[in-house]
C-alpha cells in the first residue's frame, strides 16, 4: 500500500475523471489488461497500423486511467544541474500554456522528457559527449 492509497491523490485532476471512457480501466501503458494478461508498450511495436489505431481508440489515455499522478510509476530520484532544472521549469510552464484545458503535472513532463530521450538516443549521446564522455 502506498502513501497515495492511504491518503488519496494529491493534486491530480485526472485520477477519477474517466469521461467517455467510464467503463474502461486499461491504461495505454499496458500494465495489465482487463483479462489479466500483462503486456508492454513495446509488444505492439511491430504491429500494423490498423491494429495500432484500433488499440488507441479502445484504450484509456494514461492521464485518465491512473488513480493518482504517482500510480503505476517507479520512483527514480534524478539530480540535475541548475541550468537543467531551470529549463525543465520553463518547459513545464510552456506546456501548461500549450495544454491550457489540462492541468499539466510536473511528474508527467519529467517522464515525457525521459521518454523523448529514450526515443532519441542520438540526442542523449550528443549531450553526454558534450559533458566529456568518450574522451578517455
Protein backbone atom coordinates (compact mmCIF):
# COMPACT_ATOMS: atom_id res chain seq x y z
CA UNK A 1 0.00 0.00 0.00
CA UNK A 2 1.40 3.37 -1.00
CA UNK A 3 1.01 6.70 0.72
CA UNK A 4 -1.40 7.75 -2.04
CA UNK A 5 -3.53 4.66 -1.42
CA UNK A 6 -3.84 5.64 2.26
CA UNK A 7 -4.31 9.38 1.86
CA UNK A 8 -5.67 9.76 -1.66
CA UNK A 9 -4.34 11.57 -4.69
CA UNK A 10 -2.54 14.84 -4.29
CA UNK A 11 -3.23 17.47 -6.91
CA UNK A 12 -4.16 15.10 -9.76
CA UNK A 13 -7.28 16.33 -11.53
CA UNK A 14 -7.41 13.29 -13.80
CA UNK A 15 -7.33 10.48 -11.24
CA UNK A 16 -11.08 9.76 -11.22
CA UNK A 17 -12.36 11.60 -14.29
CA UNK A 18 -12.93 8.91 -16.90
CA UNK A 19 -15.27 10.93 -19.13
CA UNK A 20 -16.36 8.94 -22.17
CA UNK A 21 -14.16 6.04 -21.09
CA UNK A 22 -16.04 5.37 -17.83
CA UNK A 23 -16.33 1.62 -18.46
CA UNK A 24 -12.67 1.11 -19.27
CA UNK A 25 -9.80 0.66 -16.85
CA UNK A 26 -6.96 -0.34 -19.14
CA UNK A 27 -4.18 2.20 -19.47
CA UNK A 28 -2.21 2.93 -22.61
CA UNK A 29 0.98 1.91 -20.84
CA UNK A 30 -0.42 -1.61 -20.83
CA UNK A 31 0.36 -2.54 -17.26
CA UNK A 32 -2.44 -5.09 -17.17
CA UNK A 33 -5.48 -5.66 -19.31
CA UNK A 34 -8.95 -6.41 -18.05
CA UNK A 35 -8.37 -10.10 -18.86
CA UNK A 36 -5.38 -10.18 -16.54
CA UNK A 37 -2.76 -10.53 -19.26
CA UNK A 38 0.38 -8.47 -18.76
CA UNK A 39 1.51 -6.62 -21.81
CA UNK A 40 4.06 -3.99 -22.58
CA UNK A 41 4.07 -0.99 -24.84
CA UNK A 42 6.91 -2.47 -26.88
CA UNK A 43 4.96 -5.65 -27.64
CA UNK A 44 2.85 -3.64 -30.07
CA UNK A 45 5.85 -2.03 -31.77
CA UNK A 46 5.82 -4.44 -34.68
CA UNK A 47 2.04 -4.34 -35.18
CA UNK A 48 0.35 -3.00 -38.26
CA UNK A 49 -1.21 0.46 -38.46
CA UNK A 50 -4.77 -0.88 -38.35
CA UNK A 51 -4.17 -2.76 -35.10
CA UNK A 52 -2.32 0.21 -33.58
CA UNK A 53 -5.08 2.70 -34.43
CA UNK A 54 -7.84 0.47 -33.06
CA UNK A 55 -5.85 -0.02 -29.85
CA UNK A 56 -5.52 3.74 -29.48
CA UNK A 57 -9.28 4.26 -29.72
CA UNK A 58 -10.05 1.41 -27.30
CA UNK A 59 -7.61 2.29 -24.52
CA UNK A 60 -7.94 4.97 -21.93
CA UNK A 61 -5.25 7.68 -22.17
CA UNK A 62 -2.66 7.41 -19.39
CA UNK A 63 -3.62 10.62 -17.57
CA UNK A 64 -7.23 9.44 -17.28
CA UNK A 65 -6.55 5.77 -16.49
CA UNK A 66 -4.38 6.32 -13.44
CA UNK A 67 -5.75 6.78 -9.93
CA UNK A 68 -3.03 9.25 -8.87
CA UNK A 69 -0.15 11.02 -10.62
CA UNK A 70 2.25 8.58 -8.92
CA UNK A 71 0.26 5.44 -9.77
CA UNK A 72 1.98 2.81 -11.94
CA UNK A 73 5.31 4.63 -11.70
CA UNK A 74 8.60 3.72 -10.12
CA UNK A 75 10.32 6.43 -8.08
CA UNK A 76 13.61 7.42 -9.70
CA UNK A 77 15.28 10.36 -7.98
CA UNK A 78 17.24 12.38 -10.51
CA UNK A 79 19.75 15.05 -9.60
CA UNK A 80 20.18 17.70 -12.27
CA UNK A 81 22.36 20.76 -12.83
CA UNK A 82 20.87 24.18 -12.05
CA UNK A 83 20.59 25.06 -15.75
CA UNK A 84 18.73 21.81 -16.46
CA UNK A 85 16.34 22.41 -13.54
CA UNK A 86 15.60 25.89 -14.88
CA UNK A 87 14.95 24.59 -18.38
CA UNK A 88 12.59 21.92 -17.02
CA UNK A 89 10.65 24.58 -15.06
CA UNK A 90 10.42 26.71 -18.21
CA UNK A 91 9.17 23.72 -20.19
CA UNK A 92 6.57 22.92 -17.53
CA UNK A 93 5.22 26.49 -17.77
CA UNK A 94 5.24 26.37 -21.58
CA UNK A 95 3.38 23.06 -21.67
CA UNK A 96 0.85 24.33 -19.11
CA UNK A 97 0.07 27.17 -21.53
CA UNK A 98 0.05 24.85 -24.55
CA UNK A 99 -2.39 22.41 -22.90
CA UNK A 100 -4.49 25.18 -21.40
CA UNK A 101 -7.54 22.98 -20.69
CA UNK A 102 -5.46 20.33 -18.90
CA UNK A 103 -3.63 20.58 -15.61
CA UNK A 104 -0.08 19.67 -16.65
CA UNK A 105 1.60 17.68 -13.89
CA UNK A 106 5.35 18.21 -13.34
CA UNK A 107 5.85 14.45 -12.98
CA UNK A 108 4.26 13.88 -16.40
CA UNK A 109 6.56 16.48 -18.00
CA UNK A 110 9.62 14.86 -16.46
CA UNK A 111 8.66 11.37 -17.58
CA UNK A 112 7.84 12.69 -21.06
CA UNK A 113 11.34 14.17 -21.19
CA UNK A 114 12.79 10.76 -20.33
CA UNK A 115 10.58 9.03 -22.91
CA UNK A 116 11.65 11.55 -25.56
CA UNK A 117 15.29 10.90 -24.66
CA UNK A 118 14.78 7.16 -24.95
CA UNK A 119 13.20 7.66 -28.36
CA UNK A 120 16.05 9.93 -29.48
CA UNK A 121 19.22 8.17 -28.34
CA UNK A 122 21.39 10.23 -30.70
CA UNK A 123 20.48 13.36 -28.73
CA UNK A 124 21.35 11.62 -25.45
CA UNK A 125 24.70 10.53 -26.88
CA UNK A 126 25.41 14.07 -28.14
CA UNK A 127 24.76 15.61 -24.70
CA UNK A 128 26.93 13.01 -22.97
CA UNK A 129 29.74 13.72 -25.43
CA UNK A 130 29.38 17.44 -24.68
CA UNK A 131 29.83 16.53 -20.99
CA UNK A 132 33.08 14.76 -21.81
CA UNK A 133 32.10 11.13 -22.27
CA UNK A 134 34.15 9.26 -24.86
CA UNK A 135 37.27 11.39 -24.47
CA UNK A 136 39.34 8.91 -22.46
